[in-house]
Structure formats: structure tokens, C-alpha cells
Amino acid sequence: MEIYLPQKVKFIIDKMYENGYEAFIVGGCVRDSILGITPNDYDITTNAKPDEIIDIFKGFKIIDNGIKHGTVGVIIDKEVYEITTYRLEGEYENNRRPKDVEFTKYIEDDLKRRDFTINAIAYNDKLGIIDKFNGITDIKNKIVKTVGDPDERFNEDGLRLVRAIRFSSKLNFKIEDKTLKSIYKNIDIIKNISKERITGEFTKMILSDNPQDIILLYKTGIFKCIGIYSYMNKEKYNVFEKELGVLKYCPNDLAKRMAMLEYIIKKKKIPSTSIIDTLVYSKKLKKECMILVDCMLVDSIEVDQIEIKKLLNKVGPKILREALELKKVYNNYLISNIQNKNYASNEKDIIDGIIEKIVAIENNKECYKLNDLDINGKDLEKLGYKGKSIGEKLTELLNKVIESPELNKKETLIDLI
């Protein structure tokens, strides 16, 4: 099997061989190449020790902050390429990281410390594929399987429990039975893993092509272990699992997919702790997500022209339209996949009507925010208003104009004061 090597990666590997060492690309870049996916980056591994790597690339800028673990960064044309010495790992601490690492001369030793067989494959264009753990077979069979004993692999690094599910979600692979049973068996390990690391894996999962696979985080009990509780009977659980299928039809945007997830939880009255609040996300993302959810939860049937303008005043046209488009995605999914098709179809038509009204409001330049009023704070100052009372009076006038657009004339507004 031949794998394409970018020019600079080939240059690094060739240079290692010219200096009497060997080097391979390894891990995810090999797996993705076999699957026909263009890798985002390339990890390179070698039998040269860190000081030897630095000496070989002494003409290039070097990043050595990972040297303790055997990794040297080489900058070529402003791009960083990480080269790591083959290593064996010692005893792990707190199910997170090895206490120490030991360098080795053999690629086989380096591959056997890795998490899953599909990530334990190395390649160069001189020796070809190095696949000591049948990773290619597992790729062909679409299986996620640990290298060696799954209990050992998961106890070394508890994040691998989530990574197994993430790779299954990303690649649409099945988790091998023994590996899956080990996840169920070892879920308590996840308590030792930082919420930041779990959040990183969850984010990749919900942005994958199969985000509905996050259901495994519920099924295995991983979510429960990190405080995302969910108490559902079997019937409610089955409905929830079905509805998660809508996530793959959402735009590949974190705020929107998280909003859809929270919307399903709230709409179906699932007694579950908020995922976005439990995991580690920015205040900005949380705010955007929850505004979208609040807009989606508004009863579309009750929304008339006045309510639309009040919503536009509160959140603005961009986010309101995004929320409505998400709601359409949800209803389209119900129409295609789940019961209540008549309700969903009717709801979809109502949402289309609301979007048309928003367009009309914008085109007609109807007033729905303070800046659109034909009167401002300076005008009120001239009339004797001061401080807080100016804002209160303007808000009062805006509410009247939202209900009766024809009132938005300076003279009329002054008469209303």
C-alpha cells in the first residue's frame, strides 16, 4: 500500500534516513490516508533521540518545550512539524499520564503503547506500512478496538473511554464488543479526567458526521459520572435517542448543534442537567446557545407581528432567523423520520410565515428598536427629561410604536409624552 506524503513530510523522513536513522508518519494521519481522508496534520516518529533530532535540523528553528516527552518541533516555511522519539511509557498516574517515558529503538514498541489499533499504524515510502496490531483489518471492518487489553488501555488514560466513542462517531465505526464492555466496566475512571479534556472530545463528537452517537455517553454512564444526569424510562429514552438523529442535519456549527441538543432536552422535558453548562465552554458560546434555545422554545402559533418585533428588539434579526431555521430543521426531521407529521408540517408552515414577516418588517423599515424611533434622548432632554427617566420614556414610546407603526413620527411621539 502506498500513501501520499506531503513534500515537507517526505523531506523530514528522507533527512532522518540520510543521517542514519529511520522515521515514519504514524497515528491518525495514516488512518485517515487509508480511509481516503486528507489529514489535518502529520505526526512523525523516529528512533533518533531528541538531541539527535535537534542536531539534524540545526539549520531550522526548533521548538523544544515537548522535549521531556521526546517531542521536537521543527519549523519549515512557518509550519510546525512534530517529530517524536519512539518511546515506552512507564506507570500511569491518576488514569491520565505516564510518570515517565523511556526511549526505544524499535517502532513496534512505540506502536504497542497507542490507544486503538486503527491509530497504531506507521508508514514511510521506504518500508511501507508497519501494522503489528491489524489496524488495517479493523479499518476495513470499521471497528474501534484497543491495542491489547482494553482494561489496561483505559486505566492508563481515562479519556480513551470518550475517545473510543468519538472515533466511532467520526468514522461511523462500531466499537468492538470487548472494548465496549470495558468502557461500561471502567466508567468511574472518567472522574479523574478534567472537564476541559472531555469537552474537547465531546466537541469533536457533536461536530462529526454522526453526532447522534453522543447517546453512548448516556448509555455507558459516562455523562452520569461527570454530573450530567438523565433520569428517563425506556420509552422516553427511545424517543430521545431517535430525536438526536436531527443533529446531523444541523449546520456544522457548535452553537447551533448545542442549541438543538438543549432544545430537544427542554422540549421533551428530559430531566437532564444542561450539557453546555456542565462542560467547559466560553460564556460567549453559552449565551449564544441559550438565546437560540429560548427563541426556539417560543410557541410559533402565538407569534404575531407585534411579538415578532418584540423578539427582534430582544435578540436581533440574525439570531432570530437562525433559531427559526433550526426549528425548521427539527420539524423537517420529524416529518421524515418520526410521528406527529401533521403537527410538524403545520409548525413548519407557521415558521415560514414568521420568516416572511421578518423580511417584510426589515424591507418596510418598521421600528422595533430604540435607534429606529423618530425621537431620541436629546429631544427628551429639551423637553425636561433627565437621567433614567429618558430611557424609560423612550422604551414606553417604542412599545407603542411596535404595536402601532404609524405613530413613529416625531411630532406624534412628542404629543404622546
Protein backbone atom coordinates (compact mmCIF):
# COMPACT_ATOMS: atom_id res chain seq x y z
CA MET A 1 0.00 0.00 0.00
CA GLU A 2 1.29 3.44 -0.94
CA ILE A 3 0.33 6.59 0.98
CA TYR A 4 0.84 10.12 -0.27
CA LEU A 5 3.42 12.09 1.72
CA PRO A 6 3.43 15.90 1.51
CA GLN A 7 6.72 17.30 0.26
CA LYS A 8 7.90 18.67 3.61
CA VAL A 9 6.97 15.46 5.47
CA LYS A 10 8.90 13.43 2.89
CA PHE A 11 11.82 15.88 3.27
CA ILE A 12 11.91 15.26 7.06
CA ILE A 13 11.77 11.48 6.72
CA ASP A 14 14.45 11.48 3.98
CA LYS A 15 16.68 13.70 6.10
CA MET A 16 16.38 11.31 9.04
CA TYR A 17 17.45 8.41 6.81
CA GLU A 18 20.34 10.43 5.34
CA ASN A 19 21.66 10.81 8.89
CA GLY A 20 21.44 7.10 9.70
CA TYR A 21 18.04 7.00 11.42
CA GLU A 22 14.56 5.88 10.42
CA ALA A 23 11.27 7.78 10.60
CA PHE A 24 7.59 7.19 9.88
CA ILE A 25 4.31 9.03 9.83
CA VAL A 26 2.12 7.50 12.49
CA GLY A 27 -1.36 7.53 14.03
CA GLY A 28 -4.33 9.48 12.76
CA CYS A 29 -2.68 10.71 9.57
CA VAL A 30 -2.05 7.11 8.46
CA ARG A 31 -5.56 6.02 9.44
CA ASP A 32 -7.16 8.92 7.57
CA SER A 33 -4.98 8.40 4.50
CA ILE A 34 -6.08 4.75 4.31
CA LEU A 35 -9.70 5.92 4.57
CA GLY A 36 -9.19 8.46 1.78
CA ILE A 37 -9.46 11.43 4.16
CA THR A 38 -6.90 14.24 3.81
CA PRO A 39 -5.09 14.50 7.17
CA ASN A 40 -5.13 17.83 9.03
CA ASP A 41 -1.56 17.27 10.20
CA TYR A 42 1.17 14.66 10.25
CA ASP A 43 2.81 13.12 13.32
CA ILE A 44 6.31 11.82 12.65
CA THR A 45 8.09 9.29 14.84
CA THR A 46 11.75 8.21 14.76
CA ASN A 47 14.43 6.17 16.52
CA ALA A 48 16.59 9.33 16.79
CA LYS A 49 16.67 10.85 20.27
CA PRO A 50 15.58 14.46 20.82
CA ASP A 51 19.12 15.89 20.91
CA GLU A 52 19.92 14.00 17.70
CA ILE A 53 16.78 15.39 16.02
CA ILE A 54 17.83 18.91 17.04
CA ASP A 55 21.31 18.34 15.62
CA ILE A 56 19.92 17.04 12.29
CA PHE A 57 17.69 20.10 11.90
CA LYS A 58 20.11 22.66 13.36
CA GLY A 59 19.56 24.93 10.36
CA PHE A 60 15.86 25.28 11.22
CA LYS A 61 14.03 26.98 14.06
CA ILE A 62 13.31 24.45 16.81
CA ILE A 63 10.54 24.22 19.43
CA ASP A 64 11.75 22.13 22.35
CA ASN A 65 9.07 22.56 25.03
CA GLY A 66 7.95 18.94 24.49
CA ILE A 67 11.46 17.52 24.69
CA LYS A 68 10.82 15.89 28.10
CA HIS A 69 8.37 13.53 26.38
CA GLY A 70 10.58 13.10 23.32
CA THR A 71 8.91 15.62 21.00
CA VAL A 72 10.80 18.22 18.98
CA GLY A 73 9.02 20.78 16.80
CA VAL A 74 10.75 21.73 13.55
CA ILE A 75 9.54 24.86 11.74
CA ILE A 76 9.72 24.63 7.94
CA ASP A 77 8.28 27.54 5.93
CA LYS A 78 6.35 28.75 9.01
CA GLU A 79 4.73 25.34 9.55
CA VAL A 80 5.47 23.26 12.67
CA TYR A 81 6.21 19.56 12.24
CA GLU A 82 6.41 17.49 15.43
CA ILE A 83 8.95 14.66 15.49
CA THR A 84 8.79 12.28 18.44
CA THR A 85 11.27 9.64 19.50
CA TYR A 86 9.96 6.04 19.76
CA ARG A 87 9.07 5.55 23.39
CA LEU A 88 7.80 3.20 26.02
CA GLU A 89 5.65 4.61 28.77
CA GLY A 90 6.04 3.85 32.46
CA GLU A 91 3.34 3.57 35.10
CA TYR A 92 0.43 5.96 34.63
CA GLU A 93 -0.73 8.44 37.29
CA ASN A 94 -4.41 9.17 38.02
CA ASN A 95 -5.53 7.45 34.79
CA ARG A 96 -4.12 10.41 32.89
CA ARG A 97 -0.43 10.37 32.01
CA PRO A 98 2.71 8.25 32.45
CA LYS A 99 5.07 9.11 35.32
CA ASP A 100 7.99 8.80 32.93
CA VAL A 101 8.85 7.75 29.41
CA GLU A 102 11.68 5.58 28.16
CA PHE A 103 13.06 5.93 24.63
CA THR A 104 13.35 2.82 22.48
CA LYS A 105 14.94 1.91 19.17
CA TYR A 106 12.02 -0.10 17.86
CA ILE A 107 8.91 1.17 16.09
CA GLU A 108 6.97 -1.88 17.33
CA ASP A 109 7.48 -0.76 20.95
CA ASP A 110 6.15 2.69 20.11
CA LEU A 111 3.06 1.33 18.36
CA LYS A 112 2.05 -1.01 21.18
CA ARG A 113 1.64 1.87 23.66
CA ARG A 114 -1.02 3.54 21.49
CA ASP A 115 -4.73 3.57 22.22
CA PHE A 116 -6.56 1.90 19.31
CA THR A 117 -5.40 -0.43 16.56
CA ILE A 118 -6.59 2.00 13.89
CA ASN A 119 -4.16 4.57 15.35
CA ALA A 120 -1.26 2.14 15.75
CA ILE A 121 -0.11 2.06 12.12
CA ALA A 122 3.10 3.63 10.78
CA TYR A 123 4.24 4.32 7.22
CA ASN A 124 7.11 5.61 5.14
CA ASP A 125 7.80 5.26 1.44
CA LYS A 126 10.90 3.11 2.06
CA LEU A 127 9.46 0.31 4.22
CA GLY A 128 5.77 0.84 3.55
CA ILE A 129 3.12 0.00 6.16
CA ILE A 130 4.05 -1.15 9.67
CA ASP A 131 0.91 -2.71 11.11
CA LYS A 132 1.67 -5.04 14.02
CA PHE A 133 -1.83 -4.92 15.55
CA ASN A 134 -4.03 -5.49 12.48
CA GLY A 135 -5.21 -1.89 12.34
CA ILE A 136 -5.82 -2.06 8.59
CA THR A 137 -8.12 -5.06 9.06
CA ASP A 138 -10.05 -3.13 11.72
CA ILE A 139 -10.28 -0.12 9.40
CA LYS A 140 -11.68 -2.35 6.65
CA ASN A 141 -14.13 -3.93 9.11
CA LYS A 142 -15.00 -0.49 10.58
CA ILE A 143 -14.09 -1.44 14.12
CA VAL A 144 -12.72 0.60 17.03
CA LYS A 145 -10.62 -1.74 19.16
CA THR A 146 -7.91 -1.13 21.74
CA VAL A 147 -4.32 -2.20 21.29
CA GLY A 148 -4.09 -5.15 23.66
CA ASP A 149 -6.17 -5.41 26.85
CA PRO A 150 -8.87 -2.68 26.89
CA ASP A 151 -8.91 -2.53 30.70
CA GLU A 152 -5.20 -1.68 30.68
CA ARG A 153 -5.54 0.91 27.92
CA PHE A 154 -8.45 2.68 29.62
CA ASN A 155 -6.80 2.63 33.03
CA GLU A 156 -3.71 4.23 31.52
CA ASP A 157 -5.71 7.20 30.24
CA GLY A 158 -9.38 7.52 31.13
CA LEU A 159 -10.01 9.94 28.28
CA ARG A 160 -9.74 6.94 25.95
CA LEU A 161 -13.24 5.94 27.13
CA VAL A 162 -14.60 9.04 25.40
CA ARG A 163 -12.14 8.87 22.51
CA ALA A 164 -13.41 5.39 21.59
CA ILE A 165 -16.93 6.79 21.25
CA ARG A 166 -15.62 9.85 19.41
CA PHE A 167 -13.77 7.74 16.80
CA SER A 168 -16.87 5.59 16.42
CA SER A 169 -18.89 8.76 15.80
CA LYS A 170 -16.37 10.43 13.50
CA LEU A 171 -15.70 7.38 11.32
CA ASN A 172 -19.07 5.64 11.62
CA PHE A 173 -17.29 2.58 13.06
CA LYS A 174 -18.61 0.08 15.58
CA ILE A 175 -16.86 -0.29 18.94
CA GLU A 176 -15.65 -3.89 19.27
CA ASP A 177 -17.64 -5.84 21.89
CA LYS A 178 -14.77 -6.45 24.33
CA THR A 179 -13.72 -2.81 24.11
CA LEU A 180 -17.32 -1.61 24.65
CA LYS A 181 -17.80 -3.89 27.66
CA SER A 182 -14.61 -2.47 29.12
CA ILE A 183 -15.97 1.08 28.72
CA TYR A 184 -19.06 0.13 30.73
CA LYS A 185 -16.86 -1.58 33.30
CA ASN A 186 -14.42 1.31 33.75
CA ILE A 187 -16.64 4.42 33.57
CA ASP A 188 -15.64 5.58 37.07
CA ILE A 189 -12.17 6.35 35.71
CA ILE A 190 -13.64 9.34 33.86
CA LYS A 191 -13.97 11.16 37.20
CA ASN A 192 -10.18 11.57 37.19
CA ILE A 193 -10.19 13.33 33.82
CA SER A 194 -10.50 17.10 33.56
CA LYS A 195 -13.72 18.56 32.19
CA GLU A 196 -11.60 20.50 29.67
CA ARG A 197 -10.27 17.30 28.07
CA ILE A 198 -13.72 15.72 28.00
CA THR A 199 -15.17 18.90 26.47
CA GLY A 200 -12.59 18.75 23.67
CA GLU A 201 -13.61 15.21 22.75
CA PHE A 202 -17.34 15.97 23.06
CA THR A 203 -16.96 18.99 20.77
CA LYS A 204 -15.32 16.86 18.08
CA MET A 205 -18.10 14.31 18.50
CA ILE A 206 -21.03 16.70 18.15
CA LEU A 207 -19.37 18.28 15.10
CA SER A 208 -18.77 14.89 13.47
CA ASP A 209 -20.86 13.30 10.70
CA ASN A 210 -22.63 11.14 13.29
CA PRO A 211 -23.32 13.44 16.27
CA GLN A 212 -26.27 11.29 17.33
CA ASP A 213 -23.69 8.83 18.69
CA ILE A 214 -23.39 11.03 21.79
CA ILE A 215 -26.21 8.78 23.05
CA LEU A 216 -23.41 6.35 24.01
CA LEU A 217 -22.22 8.88 26.58
CA TYR A 218 -25.62 8.44 28.24
CA LYS A 219 -25.87 4.69 27.72
CA THR A 220 -22.43 3.87 29.10
CA GLY A 221 -22.94 6.12 32.12
CA ILE A 222 -20.03 8.44 31.25
CA PHE A 223 -22.28 11.50 31.36
CA LYS A 224 -23.68 10.45 34.73
CA CYS A 225 -20.16 10.16 36.12
CA ILE A 226 -19.38 13.79 35.24
CA GLY A 227 -22.63 15.18 36.60
CA ILE A 228 -24.84 15.19 33.52
CA TYR A 229 -27.71 13.22 34.98
CA SER A 230 -30.61 11.91 32.98
CA TYR A 231 -33.50 10.04 34.51
CA MET A 232 -35.71 8.52 31.80
CA ASN A 233 -37.88 5.47 31.49
CA LYS A 234 -37.27 3.20 28.50
CA GLU A 235 -39.99 4.81 26.34
CA LYS A 236 -38.69 8.36 26.90
CA TYR A 237 -35.14 7.19 26.36
CA ASN A 238 -36.05 5.66 22.98
CA VAL A 239 -37.75 8.90 21.90
CA PHE A 240 -34.70 10.91 22.96
CA GLU A 241 -32.36 8.62 21.06
CA LYS A 242 -34.49 8.91 17.91
CA GLU A 243 -34.63 12.68 18.11
CA LEU A 244 -30.87 13.00 18.46
CA GLY A 245 -30.73 11.97 14.79
CA VAL A 246 -31.66 15.56 13.89
CA LEU A 247 -28.21 16.78 14.98
CA LYS A 248 -26.56 15.55 11.78
CA TYR A 249 -28.90 17.76 9.73
CA CYS A 250 -27.95 20.92 11.65
CA PRO A 251 -25.28 23.27 10.28
CA ASN A 252 -21.81 22.11 11.34
CA ASP A 253 -21.61 24.88 13.91
CA LEU A 254 -21.02 24.29 17.62
CA ALA A 255 -23.51 26.85 18.97
CA LYS A 256 -26.27 25.62 16.66
CA ARG A 257 -25.76 21.92 17.33
CA MET A 258 -25.53 22.54 21.07
CA ALA A 259 -28.68 24.67 20.86
CA MET A 260 -30.52 21.85 19.07
CA LEU A 261 -29.41 19.37 21.73
CA GLU A 262 -30.56 21.63 24.58
CA TYR A 263 -33.81 22.33 22.71
CA ILE A 264 -34.61 18.61 22.45
CA ILE A 265 -33.86 18.14 26.15
CA LYS A 266 -36.13 21.03 27.17
CA LYS A 267 -38.91 20.41 24.62
CA LYS A 268 -39.18 16.73 25.58
CA LYS A 269 -38.90 17.65 29.28
CA ILE A 270 -35.95 15.29 29.66
CA PRO A 271 -34.84 15.56 33.32
CA SER A 272 -31.20 16.12 32.36
CA THR A 273 -28.58 18.56 33.59
CA SER A 274 -27.58 21.12 30.94
CA ILE A 275 -24.66 19.77 28.93
CA ILE A 276 -23.32 23.16 27.86
CA ASP A 277 -23.30 24.35 31.49
CA THR A 278 -21.64 21.20 32.84
CA LEU A 279 -18.87 21.04 30.25
CA VAL A 280 -16.29 23.80 29.85
CA TYR A 281 -17.41 26.29 27.23
CA SER A 282 -16.95 30.05 26.94
CA LYS A 283 -19.53 32.48 28.30
CA LYS A 284 -19.97 33.81 24.76
CA LEU A 285 -20.87 30.36 23.38
CA LYS A 286 -23.21 29.61 26.29
CA LYS A 287 -25.01 32.91 25.82
CA GLU A 288 -25.42 32.42 22.06
CA CYS A 289 -26.63 28.87 22.56
CA MET A 290 -29.18 29.72 25.23
CA ILE A 291 -30.58 32.70 23.25
CA LEU A 292 -31.13 30.34 20.32
CA VAL A 293 -32.84 27.81 22.61
CA ASP A 294 -35.09 30.46 24.17
CA CYS A 295 -36.17 31.64 20.71
CA MET A 296 -36.80 28.07 19.55
CA LEU A 297 -38.98 27.40 22.60
CA VAL A 298 -41.30 30.32 21.81
CA ASP A 299 -44.70 28.95 20.72
CA SER A 300 -44.75 29.73 16.99
CA ILE A 301 -48.57 29.71 16.86
CA GLU A 302 -48.72 32.56 19.40
CA VAL A 303 -46.26 34.78 17.49
CA ASP A 304 -47.97 37.66 15.69
CA GLN A 305 -46.47 40.77 14.05
CA ILE A 306 -46.14 42.56 17.41
CA GLU A 307 -44.47 39.59 19.12
CA ILE A 308 -42.06 39.25 16.20
CA LYS A 309 -40.95 42.86 16.62
CA LYS A 310 -40.55 42.37 20.36
CA LEU A 311 -38.35 39.35 19.68
CA LEU A 312 -36.38 41.30 17.09
CA ASN A 313 -35.84 44.02 19.68
CA LYS A 314 -34.62 41.46 22.20
CA VAL A 315 -32.26 39.33 20.08
CA GLY A 316 -31.92 40.97 16.66
CA PRO A 317 -32.89 39.63 13.22
CA LYS A 318 -29.81 37.45 12.67
CA ILE A 319 -30.13 35.21 15.70
CA LEU A 320 -33.94 35.07 15.47
CA ARG A 321 -33.76 33.84 11.89
CA GLU A 322 -31.06 31.30 12.87
CA ALA A 323 -33.33 29.99 15.64
CA LEU A 324 -36.26 29.70 13.25
CA GLU A 325 -34.13 27.90 10.65
CA LEU A 326 -33.02 25.43 13.35
CA LYS A 327 -36.65 24.89 14.28
CA LYS A 328 -37.41 24.17 10.62
CA VAL A 329 -34.60 21.60 10.56
CA TYR A 330 -36.17 19.95 13.61
CA ASN A 331 -39.66 19.87 12.08
CA ASN A 332 -38.37 18.62 8.72
CA TYR A 333 -36.68 15.79 10.62
CA LEU A 334 -39.92 14.95 12.44
CA ILE A 335 -41.81 14.90 9.13
CA SER A 336 -39.28 12.50 7.59
CA ASN A 337 -38.46 10.23 10.50
CA ILE A 338 -40.85 10.41 13.44
CA GLN A 339 -44.56 10.57 14.24
CA ASN A 340 -46.57 13.82 14.66
CA LYS A 341 -46.02 14.54 10.97
CA ASN A 342 -49.15 16.69 10.68
CA TYR A 343 -48.14 18.81 13.67
CA ALA A 344 -44.58 19.18 12.36
CA SER A 345 -45.77 20.11 8.87
CA ASN A 346 -48.15 22.72 10.26
CA GLU A 347 -45.39 24.11 12.51
CA LYS A 348 -43.03 24.31 9.54
CA ASP A 349 -45.59 26.38 7.57
CA ILE A 350 -46.04 28.73 10.53
CA ILE A 351 -42.26 29.23 10.81
CA ASP A 352 -42.05 30.01 7.10
CA GLY A 353 -44.76 32.62 7.67
CA ILE A 354 -42.80 34.18 10.54
CA ILE A 355 -39.65 34.37 8.41
CA GLU A 356 -41.66 36.11 5.66
CA LYS A 357 -42.93 38.63 8.23
CA ILE A 358 -39.39 39.33 9.43
CA VAL A 359 -38.34 40.03 5.83
CA ALA A 360 -41.33 42.36 5.41
CA ILE A 361 -40.54 44.20 8.67
CA GLU A 362 -36.96 44.72 7.53
CA ASN A 363 -37.95 45.78 3.99
CA ASN A 364 -40.60 48.21 5.29
CA LYS A 365 -38.13 49.53 7.87
CA GLU A 366 -40.68 49.08 10.64
CA CYS A 367 -39.47 50.28 14.01
CA TYR A 368 -38.59 47.63 16.60
CA LYS A 369 -35.58 49.13 18.40
CA LEU A 370 -34.79 52.42 20.12
CA ASN A 371 -32.49 53.62 17.34
CA ASP A 372 -35.41 53.37 14.88
CA LEU A 373 -37.57 55.80 16.86
CA ASP A 374 -38.10 59.19 15.24
CA ILE A 375 -37.18 60.76 18.56
CA ASN A 376 -34.08 60.43 20.76
CA GLY A 377 -32.63 61.23 24.15
CA LYS A 378 -31.58 64.76 23.20
CA ASP A 379 -35.14 65.54 22.15
CA LEU A 380 -36.38 64.39 25.56
CA GLU A 381 -33.71 66.45 27.34
CA LYS A 382 -35.10 69.54 25.63
CA LEU A 383 -38.49 68.57 27.00
CA GLY A 384 -37.09 68.47 30.54
CA TYR A 385 -36.40 64.73 31.00
CA LYS A 386 -33.21 63.69 32.78
CA GLY A 387 -31.17 60.56 33.52
CA LYS A 388 -33.02 57.28 33.95
CA SER A 389 -36.39 58.75 33.02
CA ILE A 390 -35.15 59.36 29.43
CA GLY A 391 -34.56 55.64 28.83
CA GLU A 392 -37.85 54.70 30.48
CA LYS A 393 -39.84 57.13 28.35
CA LEU A 394 -38.12 56.03 25.13
CA THR A 395 -38.89 52.38 25.95
CA GLU A 396 -42.53 53.29 26.61
CA LEU A 397 -42.74 55.06 23.24
CA LEU A 398 -41.05 52.14 21.47
CA ASN A 399 -43.64 49.70 22.83
CA LYS A 400 -46.41 51.91 21.47
CA VAL A 401 -44.73 52.17 18.06
CA ILE A 402 -44.20 48.40 17.90
CA GLU A 403 -47.96 48.00 18.29
CA SER A 404 -48.85 50.95 16.01
CA PRO A 405 -46.09 51.68 13.45
CA GLU A 406 -47.89 54.78 12.16
CA LEU A 407 -47.10 56.57 15.44
CA ASN A 408 -43.39 56.74 14.63
CA LYS A 409 -43.33 60.45 13.74
CA LYS A 410 -41.53 62.98 15.88
CA GLU A 411 -44.50 65.30 16.34
CA THR A 412 -46.83 62.41 17.15
CA LEU A 413 -44.40 60.94 19.67
CA ILE A 414 -43.99 64.30 21.40
CA ASP A 415 -47.79 64.55 21.66
CA LEU A 416 -47.82 61.08 23.27
CA ILE A 417 -45.39 62.10 26.02
